[in-house]
Amino acid sequence: MTRSAKTSRAPWPSRIAIQEPRERLDGTRPIPRWTVARPRVLSPQGRFPRLGTLDAATGLEGPGRRSHMRRACALARLPTGDNLEQTMRLMTACAALLLGTSLAHAGAAEDCNQVRDPDRQLRGCTAYIRLGKGAPENLATAYLNRANVYAQRAKYDRAFADYSAALALDAGNPLIAYNRGNAYFDTRQYERAIADFSRAIELDERFALAYFNRGLAREGLGDAAAAADDYRRTLDLDPGVANAKKRLERLQSQ
């Protein structure tokens, strides 16, 4: 099923951010902090603000491999002559070691982060998930980003599977429930959409766009009074959501 042509919900967020903790030089890892930016008013072009960047850092596998690489790095010399290519590869690996960064993991994170090329994003998120080295919150974001691509391509079975995987990993992230609610809305599963938008609101009571989209879903079920309440709450939190004002005025004029 496709989205109703007469009902336009708030657009999809660009994506959310994964932040992998960098490894300290003493070998300890800082406690990762997960923060989600508050949704702000949409620009006239209908774009969401960036909610952060993905930064993947995992370290190399196993203490034995790490010790071996440290010894190799300590013996490395500046590239010269015929050994230039080989030494450059070693220096690149050493840089990754010193930063606590897996090159494959970092590349997948970068691809999963960007939104200009959906095919590249899909590949990057899939690679990040398959590597399986991220913190649960980060893996949840990779599933979420991939789910959004699937949903935008109307591959809803895959999208819903990824949303469920994301929620299992990070149930406290309101944007996961919000985006799955969008997918339910687009397939006209309004009761499920309302449940997910309500869940997002429970996790972030100032999530204006979740109120707005819940209002649209309630309109879809014919509950004009409840929809109007959601539009009012949307405008209380974010007066810049013009569609909420228009829909509220339309309901009040009926």
C-alpha atoms as a PDB file:
ATOM      1  CA  MET A   1       0.000   0.000   0.000  1.00  0.00           C
ATOM      2  CA  THR A   2       1.109   3.544  -0.615  1.00  0.00           C
ATOM      3  CA  ARG A   3       0.783   6.762   1.300  1.00  0.00           C
ATOM      4  CA  SER A   4      -2.409   8.737   0.852  1.00  0.00           C
ATOM      5  CA  ALA A   5      -1.938  11.585  -1.613  1.00  0.00           C
ATOM      6  CA  LYS A   6      -4.086  13.894   0.540  1.00  0.00           C
ATOM      7  CA  THR A   7      -2.125  13.408   3.732  1.00  0.00           C
ATOM      8  CA  SER A   8       1.492  14.515   3.973  1.00  0.00           C
ATOM      9  CA  ARG A   9       3.316  13.665   7.158  1.00  0.00           C
ATOM     10  CA  ALA A  10       6.561  15.242   8.285  1.00  0.00           C
ATOM     11  CA  PRO A  11       9.475  14.073   6.100  1.00  0.00           C
ATOM     12  CA  TRP A  12      11.909  11.398   7.178  1.00  0.00           C
ATOM     13  CA  PRO A  13      14.768  12.548   9.366  1.00  0.00           C
ATOM     14  CA  SER A  14      18.082  12.459   7.516  1.00  0.00           C
ATOM     15  CA  ARG A  15      19.374   9.863   9.988  1.00  0.00           C
ATOM     16  CA  ILE A  16      20.728   9.731  13.487  1.00  0.00           C
ATOM     17  CA  ALA A  17      24.287   9.472  14.646  1.00  0.00           C
ATOM     18  CA  ILE A  18      26.549   6.717  15.820  1.00  0.00           C
ATOM     19  CA  GLN A  19      29.357   7.739  18.121  1.00  0.00           C
ATOM     20  CA  GLU A  20      31.940   5.063  18.831  1.00  0.00           C
ATOM     21  CA  PRO A  21      34.225   5.802  21.787  1.00  0.00           C
ATOM     22  CA  ARG A  22      37.838   6.425  20.874  1.00  0.00           C
ATOM     23  CA  GLU A  23      40.373   4.173  22.565  1.00  0.00           C
ATOM     24  CA  ARG A  24      42.689   5.969  24.947  1.00  0.00           C
ATOM     25  CA  LEU A  25      46.452   5.587  24.609  1.00  0.00           C
ATOM     26  CA  ASP A  26      46.625   3.732  27.928  1.00  0.00           C
ATOM     27  CA  GLY A  27      44.397   1.027  26.492  1.00  0.00           C
ATOM     28  CA  THR A  28      41.240   1.930  28.396  1.00  0.00           C
ATOM     29  CA  ARG A  29      38.069   2.963  26.643  1.00  0.00           C
ATOM     30  CA  PRO A  30      35.996   5.978  27.665  1.00  0.00           C
ATOM     31  CA  ILE A  31      32.374   5.423  28.549  1.00  0.00           C
ATOM     32  CA  PRO A  32      30.361   6.077  25.364  1.00  0.00           C
ATOM     33  CA  ARG A  33      27.762   8.796  25.616  1.00  0.00           C
ATOM     34  CA  TRP A  34      24.668   8.669  23.431  1.00  0.00           C
ATOM     35  CA  THR A  35      22.896  11.932  22.799  1.00  0.00           C
ATOM     36  CA  VAL A  36      20.065  12.624  20.384  1.00  0.00           C
ATOM     37  CA  ALA A  37      19.543  16.171  19.198  1.00  0.00           C
ATOM     38  CA  ARG A  38      16.077  17.574  19.726  1.00  0.00           C
ATOM     39  CA  PRO A  39      14.062  17.779  16.518  1.00  0.00           C
ATOM     40  CA  ARG A  40      13.885  21.383  15.373  1.00  0.00           C
ATOM     41  CA  VAL A  41      11.641  23.234  12.956  1.00  0.00           C
ATOM     42  CA  LEU A  42      11.862  22.076   9.378  1.00  0.00           C
ATOM     43  CA  SER A  43      13.504  24.445   6.958  1.00  0.00           C
ATOM     44  CA  PRO A  44      11.426  25.731   4.017  1.00  0.00           C
ATOM     45  CA  GLN A  45      13.036  23.006   1.917  1.00  0.00           C
ATOM     46  CA  GLY A  46      11.628  20.375   4.260  1.00  0.00           C
ATOM     47  CA  ARG A  47      15.002  19.145   5.478  1.00  0.00           C
ATOM     48  CA  PHE A  48      15.889  18.092   8.977  1.00  0.00           C
ATOM     49  CA  PRO A  49      19.018  19.402  10.648  1.00  0.00           C
ATOM     50  CA  ARG A  50      21.913  17.002  10.860  1.00  0.00           C
ATOM     51  CA  LEU A  51      21.707  15.049  14.074  1.00  0.00           C
ATOM     52  CA  GLY A  52      25.396  14.212  14.309  1.00  0.00           C
ATOM     53  CA  THR A  53      28.144  12.228  12.660  1.00  0.00           C
ATOM     54  CA  LEU A  54      29.150   8.609  12.734  1.00  0.00           C
ATOM     55  CA  ASP A  55      32.618   7.951  14.098  1.00  0.00           C
ATOM     56  CA  ALA A  56      33.661   4.298  14.185  1.00  0.00           C
ATOM     57  CA  ALA A  57      36.553   3.192  16.371  1.00  0.00           C
ATOM     58  CA  THR A  58      36.988  -0.407  17.379  1.00  0.00           C
ATOM     59  CA  GLY A  59      40.642  -1.380  17.602  1.00  0.00           C
ATOM     60  CA  LEU A  60      42.183  -4.448  16.050  1.00  0.00           C
ATOM     61  CA  GLU A  61      41.082  -7.950  16.926  1.00  0.00           C
ATOM     62  CA  GLY A  62      42.697  -9.664  19.864  1.00  0.00           C
ATOM     63  CA  PRO A  63      45.599  -8.769  22.175  1.00  0.00           C
ATOM     64  CA  GLY A  64      48.056 -10.933  20.252  1.00  0.00           C
ATOM     65  CA  ARG A  65      47.390  -9.163  16.970  1.00  0.00           C
ATOM     66  CA  ARG A  66      47.574  -5.800  18.699  1.00  0.00           C
ATOM     67  CA  SER A  67      50.941  -6.592  20.313  1.00  0.00           C
ATOM     68  CA  HIS A  68      52.325  -7.857  17.013  1.00  0.00           C
ATOM     69  CA  MET A  69      51.219  -4.691  15.226  1.00  0.00           C
ATOM     70  CA  ARG A  70      52.725  -2.461  17.896  1.00  0.00           C
ATOM     71  CA  ARG A  71      56.075  -4.171  17.513  1.00  0.00           C
ATOM     72  CA  ALA A  72      55.868  -3.844  13.726  1.00  0.00           C
ATOM     73  CA  CYS A  73      55.001  -0.168  14.013  1.00  0.00           C
ATOM     74  CA  ALA A  74      57.876   0.458  16.403  1.00  0.00           C
ATOM     75  CA  LEU A  75      60.299  -1.042  13.834  1.00  0.00           C
ATOM     76  CA  ALA A  76      58.786   0.754  10.835  1.00  0.00           C
ATOM     77  CA  ARG A  77      61.006   3.104   8.807  1.00  0.00           C
ATOM     78  CA  LEU A  78      60.090   5.943   6.524  1.00  0.00           C
ATOM     79  CA  PRO A  79      59.179   4.676   3.010  1.00  0.00           C
ATOM     80  CA  THR A  80      62.070   4.494   0.600  1.00  0.00           C
ATOM     81  CA  GLY A  81      62.764   2.971  -2.804  1.00  0.00           C
ATOM     82  CA  ASP A  82      61.151  -0.345  -3.738  1.00  0.00           C
ATOM     83  CA  ASN A  83      59.604  -0.693  -0.294  1.00  0.00           C
ATOM     84  CA  LEU A  84      57.448   2.413  -0.673  1.00  0.00           C
ATOM     85  CA  GLU A  85      54.101   0.666  -1.270  1.00  0.00           C
ATOM     86  CA  GLN A  86      54.633  -1.987   1.393  1.00  0.00           C
ATOM     87  CA  THR A  87      55.779   0.549   3.977  1.00  0.00           C
ATOM     88  CA  MET A  88      52.878   2.876   3.213  1.00  0.00           C
ATOM     89  CA  ARG A  89      50.448   0.023   3.860  1.00  0.00           C
ATOM     90  CA  LEU A  90      52.156  -0.647   7.169  1.00  0.00           C
ATOM     91  CA  MET A  91      52.087   3.024   8.144  1.00  0.00           C
ATOM     92  CA  THR A  92      48.384   3.189   7.340  1.00  0.00           C
ATOM     93  CA  ALA A  93      47.755   0.189   9.570  1.00  0.00           C
ATOM     94  CA  CYS A  94      49.858   1.777  12.291  1.00  0.00           C
ATOM     95  CA  ALA A  95      47.818   4.950  12.095  1.00  0.00           C
ATOM     96  CA  ALA A  96      44.673   2.887  12.519  1.00  0.00           C
ATOM     97  CA  LEU A  97      46.206   1.125  15.503  1.00  0.00           C
ATOM     98  CA  LEU A  98      47.244   4.349  17.203  1.00  0.00           C
ATOM     99  CA  LEU A  99      43.774   5.810  16.737  1.00  0.00           C
ATOM    100  CA  GLY A 100      42.099   2.607  17.874  1.00  0.00           C
ATOM    101  CA  THR A 101      40.309   2.469  14.543  1.00  0.00           C
ATOM    102  CA  SER A 102      39.517  -0.448  12.260  1.00  0.00           C
ATOM    103  CA  LEU A 103      39.817   0.784   8.685  1.00  0.00           C
ATOM    104  CA  ALA A 104      37.036  -1.470   7.427  1.00  0.00           C
ATOM    105  CA  HIS A 105      34.782  -0.417  10.284  1.00  0.00           C
ATOM    106  CA  ALA A 106      35.517   3.273   9.749  1.00  0.00           C
ATOM    107  CA  GLY A 107      34.813   3.005   6.029  1.00  0.00           C
ATOM    108  CA  ALA A 108      31.510   1.247   6.632  1.00  0.00           C
ATOM    109  CA  ALA A 109      30.566   3.887   9.197  1.00  0.00           C
ATOM    110  CA  GLU A 110      31.314   6.694   6.762  1.00  0.00           C
ATOM    111  CA  ASP A 111      29.213   5.073   4.048  1.00  0.00           C
ATOM    112  CA  CYS A 112      26.347   4.384   6.442  1.00  0.00           C
ATOM    113  CA  ASN A 113      26.460   7.985   7.632  1.00  0.00           C
ATOM    114  CA  GLN A 114      26.214   9.834   4.344  1.00  0.00           C
ATOM    115  CA  VAL A 115      22.778  10.376   2.797  1.00  0.00           C
ATOM    116  CA  ARG A 116      23.582  11.610  -0.707  1.00  0.00           C
ATOM    117  CA  ASP A 117      23.925   8.110  -2.184  1.00  0.00           C
ATOM    118  CA  PRO A 118      21.301   5.650  -0.846  1.00  0.00           C
ATOM    119  CA  ASP A 119      23.004   2.662  -2.506  1.00  0.00           C
ATOM    120  CA  ARG A 120      26.277   3.509  -0.805  1.00  0.00           C
ATOM    121  CA  GLN A 121      24.460   4.045   2.490  1.00  0.00           C
ATOM    122  CA  LEU A 122      22.772   0.684   2.185  1.00  0.00           C
ATOM    123  CA  ARG A 123      26.098  -1.052   1.530  1.00  0.00           C
ATOM    124  CA  GLY A 124      27.795   0.804   4.368  1.00  0.00           C
ATOM    125  CA  CYS A 125      25.134   0.034   6.946  1.00  0.00           C
ATOM    126  CA  THR A 126      25.068  -3.617   5.911  1.00  0.00           C
ATOM    127  CA  ALA A 127      28.864  -3.841   6.195  1.00  0.00           C
ATOM    128  CA  TYR A 128      28.798  -2.142   9.601  1.00  0.00           C
ATOM    129  CA  ILE A 129      26.173  -4.587  10.841  1.00  0.00           C
ATOM    130  CA  ARG A 130      28.059  -7.624   9.501  1.00  0.00           C
ATOM    131  CA  LEU A 131      31.283  -6.535  11.202  1.00  0.00           C
ATOM    132  CA  GLY A 132      29.328  -6.616  14.455  1.00  0.00           C
ATOM    133  CA  LYS A 133      31.914  -4.645  16.435  1.00  0.00           C
ATOM    134  CA  GLY A 134      29.894  -1.578  17.353  1.00  0.00           C
ATOM    135  CA  ALA A 135      28.277  -0.784  20.668  1.00  0.00           C
ATOM    136  CA  PRO A 136      24.598  -1.787  20.790  1.00  0.00           C
ATOM    137  CA  GLU A 137      23.454   1.799  20.278  1.00  0.00           C
ATOM    138  CA  ASN A 138      25.667   2.108  17.215  1.00  0.00           C
ATOM    139  CA  LEU A 139      24.468  -1.135  15.680  1.00  0.00           C
ATOM    140  CA  ALA A 140      20.918   0.052  16.351  1.00  0.00           C
ATOM    141  CA  THR A 141      21.622   3.204  14.370  1.00  0.00           C
ATOM    142  CA  ALA A 142      23.025   1.201  11.463  1.00  0.00           C
ATOM    143  CA  TYR A 143      19.855  -0.906  11.417  1.00  0.00           C
ATOM    144  CA  LEU A 144      17.773   2.274  11.603  1.00  0.00           C
ATOM    145  CA  ASN A 145      19.609   3.996   8.760  1.00  0.00           C
ATOM    146  CA  ARG A 146      19.265   0.896   6.595  1.00  0.00           C
ATOM    147  CA  ALA A 147      15.594   0.565   7.508  1.00  0.00           C
ATOM    148  CA  ASN A 148      14.970   4.135   6.396  1.00  0.00           C
ATOM    149  CA  VAL A 149      16.483   3.408   2.988  1.00  0.00           C
ATOM    150  CA  TYR A 150      14.357   0.274   2.630  1.00  0.00           C
ATOM    151  CA  ALA A 151      11.225   2.170   3.672  1.00  0.00           C
ATOM    152  CA  GLN A 152      11.867   4.990   1.232  1.00  0.00           C
ATOM    153  CA  ARG A 153      12.116   2.330  -1.485  1.00  0.00           C
ATOM    154  CA  ALA A 154       8.854   0.729  -0.296  1.00  0.00           C
ATOM    155  CA  LYS A 155      10.669  -2.463   0.761  1.00  0.00           C
ATOM    156  CA  TYR A 156       8.646  -2.515   3.937  1.00  0.00           C
ATOM    157  CA  ASP A 157       9.207  -6.130   4.999  1.00  0.00           C
ATOM    158  CA  ARG A 158      12.938  -5.486   5.180  1.00  0.00           C
ATOM    159  CA  ALA A 159      12.400  -2.094   6.764  1.00  0.00           C
ATOM    160  CA  PHE A 160      10.211  -3.433   9.569  1.00  0.00           C
ATOM    161  CA  ALA A 161      12.700  -6.230  10.282  1.00  0.00           C
ATOM    162  CA  ASP A 162      15.484  -3.675  10.659  1.00  0.00           C
ATOM    163  CA  TYR A 163      13.386  -1.350  12.807  1.00  0.00           C
ATOM    164  CA  SER A 164      12.636  -4.255  15.133  1.00  0.00           C
ATOM    165  CA  ALA A 165      16.334  -5.132  15.314  1.00  0.00           C
ATOM    166  CA  ALA A 166      17.167  -1.507  16.098  1.00  0.00           C
ATOM    167  CA  LEU A 167      14.572  -1.332  18.877  1.00  0.00           C
ATOM    168  CA  ALA A 168      15.861  -4.573  20.395  1.00  0.00           C
ATOM    169  CA  LEU A 169      19.310  -2.988  20.637  1.00  0.00           C
ATOM    170  CA  ASP A 170      18.304   0.510  21.753  1.00  0.00           C
ATOM    171  CA  ALA A 171      14.750   0.610  23.041  1.00  0.00           C
ATOM    172  CA  GLY A 172      15.255   4.044  24.606  1.00  0.00           C
ATOM    173  CA  ASN A 173      15.948   5.869  21.349  1.00  0.00           C
ATOM    174  CA  PRO A 174      12.816   7.829  20.347  1.00  0.00           C
ATOM    175  CA  LEU A 175      13.874   8.235  16.722  1.00  0.00           C
ATOM    176  CA  ILE A 176      13.668   4.495  16.088  1.00  0.00           C
ATOM    177  CA  ALA A 177      10.033   4.334  17.158  1.00  0.00           C
ATOM    178  CA  TYR A 178       9.348   7.562  15.271  1.00  0.00           C
ATOM    179  CA  ASN A 179      10.747   6.267  11.992  1.00  0.00           C
ATOM    180  CA  ARG A 180       8.975   2.944  12.286  1.00  0.00           C
ATOM    181  CA  GLY A 181       5.795   4.921  12.931  1.00  0.00           C
ATOM    182  CA  ASN A 182       6.427   6.754   9.674  1.00  0.00           C
ATOM    183  CA  ALA A 183       6.657   3.446   7.831  1.00  0.00           C
ATOM    184  CA  TYR A 184       3.455   2.208   9.438  1.00  0.00           C
ATOM    185  CA  PHE A 185       1.785   5.469   8.453  1.00  0.00           C
ATOM    186  CA  ASP A 186       2.981   5.148   4.862  1.00  0.00           C
ATOM    187  CA  THR A 187       1.423   1.698   4.677  1.00  0.00           C
ATOM    188  CA  ARG A 188      -1.782   3.020   6.288  1.00  0.00           C
ATOM    189  CA  GLN A 189      -1.363   0.922   9.419  1.00  0.00           C
ATOM    190  CA  TYR A 190      -2.570   3.842  11.474  1.00  0.00           C
ATOM    191  CA  GLU A 191      -3.096   2.115  14.811  1.00  0.00           C
ATOM    192  CA  ARG A 192       0.455   0.791  14.781  1.00  0.00           C
ATOM    193  CA  ALA A 193       1.735   4.170  13.681  1.00  0.00           C
ATOM    194  CA  ILE A 194      -0.050   5.818  16.609  1.00  0.00           C
ATOM    195  CA  ALA A 195       1.478   3.310  19.009  1.00  0.00           C
ATOM    196  CA  ASP A 196       4.984   4.055  17.752  1.00  0.00           C
ATOM    197  CA  PHE A 197       4.522   7.830  17.722  1.00  0.00           C
ATOM    198  CA  SER A 198       3.172   7.578  21.272  1.00  0.00           C
ATOM    199  CA  ARG A 199       6.219   5.552  22.254  1.00  0.00           C
ATOM    200  CA  ALA A 200       8.514   8.206  20.771  1.00  0.00           C
ATOM    201  CA  ILE A 201       6.638  10.879  22.738  1.00  0.00           C
ATOM    202  CA  GLU A 202       6.989   8.894  25.958  1.00  0.00           C
ATOM    203  CA  LEU A 203      10.741   8.810  25.385  1.00  0.00           C
ATOM    204  CA  ASP A 204      10.941  12.477  24.393  1.00  0.00           C
ATOM    205  CA  GLU A 205       7.942  14.526  25.483  1.00  0.00           C
ATOM    206  CA  ARG A 206       9.093  17.507  23.386  1.00  0.00           C
ATOM    207  CA  PHE A 207       9.198  15.580  20.109  1.00  0.00           C
ATOM    208  CA  ALA A 208       6.954  17.954  18.133  1.00  0.00           C
ATOM    209  CA  LEU A 209       7.004  16.024  14.870  1.00  0.00           C
ATOM    210  CA  ALA A 210       5.925  12.836  16.624  1.00  0.00           C
ATOM    211  CA  TYR A 211       2.845  14.695  17.860  1.00  0.00           C
ATOM    212  CA  PHE A 212       2.189  16.010  14.361  1.00  0.00           C
ATOM    213  CA  ASN A 213       2.489  12.625  12.681  1.00  0.00           C
ATOM    214  CA  ARG A 214       0.360  11.025  15.383  1.00  0.00           C
ATOM    215  CA  GLY A 215      -2.277  13.649  14.618  1.00  0.00           C
ATOM    216  CA  LEU A 216      -2.202  12.659  10.959  1.00  0.00           C
ATOM    217  CA  ALA A 217      -2.594   8.995  11.873  1.00  0.00           C
ATOM    218  CA  ARG A 218      -5.520   9.823  14.149  1.00  0.00           C
ATOM    219  CA  GLU A 219      -7.119  11.733  11.308  1.00  0.00           C
ATOM    220  CA  GLY A 220      -6.642   8.624   9.202  1.00  0.00           C
ATOM    221  CA  LEU A 221      -8.761   6.746  11.738  1.00  0.00           C
ATOM    222  CA  GLY A 222     -11.387   9.490  11.772  1.00  0.00           C
ATOM    223  CA  ASP A 223     -10.574  10.771  15.284  1.00  0.00           C
ATOM    224  CA  ALA A 224     -10.646  14.492  14.546  1.00  0.00           C
ATOM    225  CA  ALA A 225     -10.739  15.618  18.183  1.00  0.00           C
ATOM    226  CA  ALA A 226      -7.629  13.665  19.149  1.00  0.00           C
ATOM    227  CA  ALA A 227      -5.872  14.805  15.981  1.00  0.00           C
ATOM    228  CA  ALA A 228      -6.633  18.438  16.807  1.00  0.00           C
ATOM    229  CA  ASP A 229      -5.151  17.960  20.272  1.00  0.00           C
ATOM    230  CA  ASP A 230      -1.955  16.628  18.727  1.00  0.00           C
ATOM    231  CA  TYR A 231      -1.734  19.549  16.304  1.00  0.00           C
ATOM    232  CA  ARG A 232      -2.157  21.990  19.191  1.00  0.00           C
ATOM    233  CA  ARG A 233       0.613  20.271  21.118  1.00  0.00           C
ATOM    234  CA  THR A 234       2.819  20.347  18.017  1.00  0.00           C
ATOM    235  CA  LEU A 235       2.368  24.104  17.716  1.00  0.00           C
ATOM    236  CA  ASP A 236       2.980  24.609  21.432  1.00  0.00           C
ATOM    237  CA  LEU A 237       6.342  22.902  21.045  1.00  0.00           C
ATOM    238  CA  ASP A 238       7.226  24.206  17.600  1.00  0.00           C
ATOM    239  CA  PRO A 239       5.125  27.046  16.097  1.00  0.00           C
ATOM    240  CA  GLY A 240       7.092  26.721  12.876  1.00  0.00           C
ATOM    241  CA  VAL A 241       5.380  23.503  11.791  1.00  0.00           C
ATOM    242  CA  ALA A 242       3.101  25.231   9.288  1.00  0.00           C
ATOM    243  CA  ASN A 243       1.253  22.084   8.251  1.00  0.00           C
ATOM    244  CA  ALA A 244       0.094  21.561  11.818  1.00  0.00           C
ATOM    245  CA  LYS A 245      -1.473  25.015  11.868  1.00  0.00           C
ATOM    246  CA  LYS A 246      -3.189  24.455   8.528  1.00  0.00           C
ATOM    247  CA  ARG A 247      -4.599  21.090   9.518  1.00  0.00           C
ATOM    248  CA  LEU A 248      -5.790  22.400  12.878  1.00  0.00           C
ATOM    249  CA  GLU A 249      -7.550  25.330  11.181  1.00  0.00           C
ATOM    250  CA  ARG A 250      -9.185  22.942   8.727  1.00  0.00           C
ATOM    251  CA  LEU A 251     -10.480  20.713  11.520  1.00  0.00           C
ATOM    252  CA  GLN A 252     -11.782  23.700  13.481  1.00  0.00           C
ATOM    253  CA  SER A 253     -13.655  24.983  10.442  1.00  0.00           C
ATOM    254  CA  GLN A 254     -15.578  21.737   9.968  1.00  0.00           C
END
